[in-house]
Amino acid sequence: MRLFYALTFPQSTLKKLSAVQDELQMRMDTGKRTPEKNLHLTLSFLGEQDPSTLSTLKAILDELPSANLLVHFTHLGVFDKPDGAILWAALAQSQPLSVLQRTLVQALKREHIGGVDPRFTAHVTLYRRSRIERVEQQLDISSPAECVALMHSHQVDGVLTYSPIKRKFLQ
């Protein structure tokens, strides 16, 4: 199973990020848009994991802090790739978000879960394989985080789908 931990946001925030995608699309030559329902912040990508790890992965989710978490999207960023850039919405530095992500990675290491990448850039991917002249845009979107979820990345009728296996709602 292809798994990751995600921070999700309320529908109102997803609509605002979708509006940013609309603006970008008008300036873009090509690009594969992240569907609104798939917009999230990846806290830790685990890759292919044996289903036997699910009980451990769920238990780790239960250990994570559940305090309210407010994030602020500040600007657009770009990861250049040979097949086109990844365009993303960047988040301001946040001590609570950093603590949450570090706590998660430490728990995964403690449990010897393979495939964990400790590098972390707080962002939400808006487009993949994009070709756009120039991206310099400031954002001013504040949002509470909705939950931390253990997600399964899979295809449903040929469509990339992120299905929550377990969620931990933030208070």
Protein backbone atom coordinates (compact mmCIF):
# COMPACT_ATOMS: atom_id res chain seq x y z
CA MET A 1 0.00 0.00 0.00
CA ARG A 2 1.29 3.46 -0.92
CA LEU A 3 0.86 5.52 2.25
CA PHE A 4 1.52 8.97 3.67
CA TYR A 5 0.51 11.16 6.58
CA ALA A 6 -1.30 14.35 5.60
CA LEU A 7 -2.51 17.52 7.21
CA THR A 8 -5.94 18.37 5.80
CA PHE A 9 -7.86 21.64 5.72
CA PRO A 10 -11.50 22.74 5.83
CA GLN A 11 -13.47 23.03 2.60
CA SER A 12 -13.33 26.84 2.80
CA THR A 13 -9.52 26.72 2.60
CA LEU A 14 -9.59 24.21 -0.26
CA LYS A 15 -11.84 26.64 -2.18
CA LYS A 16 -9.34 29.48 -1.65
CA LEU A 17 -6.46 27.31 -2.86
CA SER A 18 -8.56 26.24 -5.84
CA ALA A 19 -9.07 29.93 -6.71
CA VAL A 20 -5.27 30.35 -6.69
CA GLN A 21 -5.07 27.38 -9.08
CA ASP A 22 -7.62 29.10 -11.36
CA GLU A 23 -5.45 32.23 -11.49
CA LEU A 24 -2.33 30.19 -12.28
CA GLN A 25 -4.08 28.18 -14.97
CA MET A 26 -4.71 31.35 -17.00
CA ARG A 27 -0.94 32.01 -17.11
CA MET A 28 0.16 28.42 -17.64
CA ASP A 29 1.16 26.72 -20.89
CA THR A 30 0.66 23.23 -19.46
CA GLY A 31 0.21 21.62 -16.08
CA LYS A 32 -1.60 18.85 -14.22
CA ARG A 33 -3.82 20.39 -11.57
CA THR A 34 -4.18 18.77 -8.16
CA PRO A 35 -7.91 18.10 -7.71
CA GLU A 36 -9.43 20.17 -4.92
CA LYS A 37 -10.31 17.05 -2.92
CA ASN A 38 -6.63 15.96 -3.02
CA LEU A 39 -5.14 19.23 -1.73
CA HIS A 40 -3.21 18.53 1.49
CA LEU A 41 0.12 19.06 3.22
CA THR A 42 2.25 15.90 3.32
CA LEU A 43 3.77 15.50 6.78
CA SER A 44 5.60 12.28 5.90
CA PHE A 45 5.55 10.23 2.71
CA LEU A 46 5.99 6.54 3.51
CA GLY A 47 5.79 5.03 0.03
CA GLU A 48 4.96 1.36 -0.35
CA GLN A 49 4.25 -0.26 3.00
CA ASP A 50 3.13 -3.76 3.88
CA PRO A 51 -0.48 -3.81 5.16
CA SER A 52 0.85 -5.50 8.31
CA THR A 53 2.24 -2.09 9.39
CA LEU A 54 -1.21 -0.48 9.51
CA SER A 55 -1.85 -1.13 13.21
CA THR A 56 1.51 0.50 14.09
CA LEU A 57 0.87 3.43 11.75
CA LYS A 58 -2.57 3.99 13.26
CA ALA A 59 -1.12 3.86 16.79
CA ILE A 60 1.48 6.48 15.82
CA LEU A 61 -1.34 8.74 14.64
CA ASP A 62 -3.00 8.40 18.05
CA GLU A 63 0.25 9.58 19.74
CA LEU A 64 0.45 12.85 17.82
CA PRO A 65 -0.49 16.17 19.44
CA SER A 66 -4.09 17.15 18.77
CA ALA A 67 -4.00 20.84 19.66
CA ASN A 68 -5.47 23.46 17.34
CA LEU A 69 -3.10 24.34 14.54
CA LEU A 70 -3.38 27.53 12.52
CA VAL A 71 -1.35 27.81 9.31
CA HIS A 72 -0.69 30.72 7.00
CA PHE A 73 -0.05 30.38 3.25
CA THR A 74 2.39 33.12 2.27
CA HIS A 75 3.55 32.68 -1.33
CA LEU A 76 3.93 30.34 -4.28
CA GLY A 77 6.98 28.15 -4.70
CA VAL A 78 8.45 26.02 -7.47
CA PHE A 79 10.33 22.74 -7.54
CA ASP A 80 11.94 22.54 -10.98
CA LYS A 81 11.72 19.10 -12.63
CA PRO A 82 12.78 17.98 -16.11
CA ASP A 83 9.19 17.13 -17.09
CA GLY A 84 7.80 20.43 -15.74
CA ALA A 85 7.74 22.28 -12.47
CA ILE A 86 5.78 21.49 -9.35
CA LEU A 87 3.94 24.65 -8.24
CA TRP A 88 3.02 24.86 -4.58
CA ALA A 89 1.55 27.09 -1.92
CA ALA A 90 4.13 27.74 0.83
CA LEU A 91 3.32 27.96 4.51
CA ALA A 92 4.91 30.36 6.97
CA GLN A 93 7.24 28.89 9.57
CA SER A 94 5.17 27.47 12.39
CA GLN A 95 6.60 26.04 15.59
CA PRO A 96 3.50 23.87 16.26
CA LEU A 97 3.60 22.48 12.70
CA SER A 98 7.34 21.77 12.97
CA VAL A 99 6.83 19.99 16.31
CA LEU A 100 3.99 17.91 14.86
CA GLN A 101 6.07 16.84 11.85
CA ARG A 102 9.22 16.08 13.90
CA THR A 103 7.19 14.09 16.44
CA LEU A 104 5.74 12.03 13.60
CA VAL A 105 9.12 11.31 11.99
CA GLN A 106 10.66 10.38 15.35
CA ALA A 107 7.81 7.94 16.05
CA LEU A 108 8.20 6.37 12.59
CA LYS A 109 11.95 5.94 13.14
CA ARG A 110 11.36 4.49 16.60
CA GLU A 111 9.05 1.88 15.05
CA HIS A 112 11.57 1.17 12.24
CA ILE A 113 9.11 2.14 9.51
CA GLY A 114 11.07 2.21 6.27
CA GLY A 115 10.82 4.75 3.47
CA VAL A 116 10.51 7.77 5.76
CA ASP A 117 12.09 10.92 4.35
CA PRO A 118 12.89 13.35 7.19
CA ARG A 119 13.27 16.37 4.86
CA PHE A 120 10.27 18.65 5.12
CA THR A 121 9.15 21.72 3.21
CA ALA A 122 5.71 22.83 4.39
CA HIS A 123 3.68 23.19 1.19
CA VAL A 124 0.54 22.16 -0.66
CA THR A 125 1.09 21.02 -4.26
CA LEU A 126 -1.15 22.92 -6.68
CA TYR A 127 0.20 21.74 -10.08
CA ARG A 128 2.58 19.09 -11.40
CA ARG A 129 4.38 19.02 -14.75
CA SER A 130 3.67 22.71 -15.24
CA ARG A 131 5.16 25.07 -17.77
CA ILE A 132 4.71 28.67 -16.76
CA GLU A 133 6.75 31.77 -17.58
CA ARG A 134 7.24 33.16 -14.09
CA VAL A 135 5.75 32.54 -10.69
CA GLU A 136 5.99 35.31 -8.14
CA GLN A 137 2.82 35.60 -6.18
CA GLN A 138 2.20 36.44 -2.56
CA LEU A 139 -0.60 34.68 -0.74
CA ASP A 140 -2.46 35.70 2.39
CA ILE A 141 -4.55 32.72 3.40
CA SER A 142 -4.86 31.70 7.04
CA SER A 143 -6.53 28.45 7.95
CA PRO A 144 -7.00 26.06 10.80
CA ALA A 145 -5.79 22.56 10.08
CA GLU A 146 -8.66 20.10 10.12
CA CYS A 147 -6.96 16.81 10.90
CA VAL A 148 -3.90 14.62 10.54
CA ALA A 149 -4.70 11.57 8.44
CA LEU A 150 -2.99 8.35 7.47
CA MET A 151 -3.73 8.27 3.74
CA HIS A 152 -3.75 5.56 1.10
CA SER A 153 -2.73 6.76 -2.37
CA HIS A 154 -4.30 4.59 -5.05
CA GLN A 155 -6.14 4.59 -8.37
CA VAL A 156 -9.94 4.38 -8.51
CA ASP A 157 -11.23 3.97 -12.07
CA GLY A 158 -7.98 5.48 -13.36
CA VAL A 159 -8.14 8.52 -11.05
CA LEU A 160 -5.53 9.19 -8.36
CA THR A 161 -7.38 9.03 -5.06
CA TYR A 162 -6.26 9.75 -1.53
CA SER A 163 -8.39 7.74 0.90
CA PRO A 164 -8.08 8.32 4.63
CA ILE A 165 -7.41 5.12 6.57
CA LYS A 166 -7.59 6.89 9.92
CA ARG A 167 -7.99 10.53 10.94
CA LYS A 168 -7.10 12.45 14.05
CA PHE A 169 -9.14 15.65 14.20
CA LEU A 170 -7.41 18.65 15.72
CA GLN A 171 -9.26 20.44 18.48
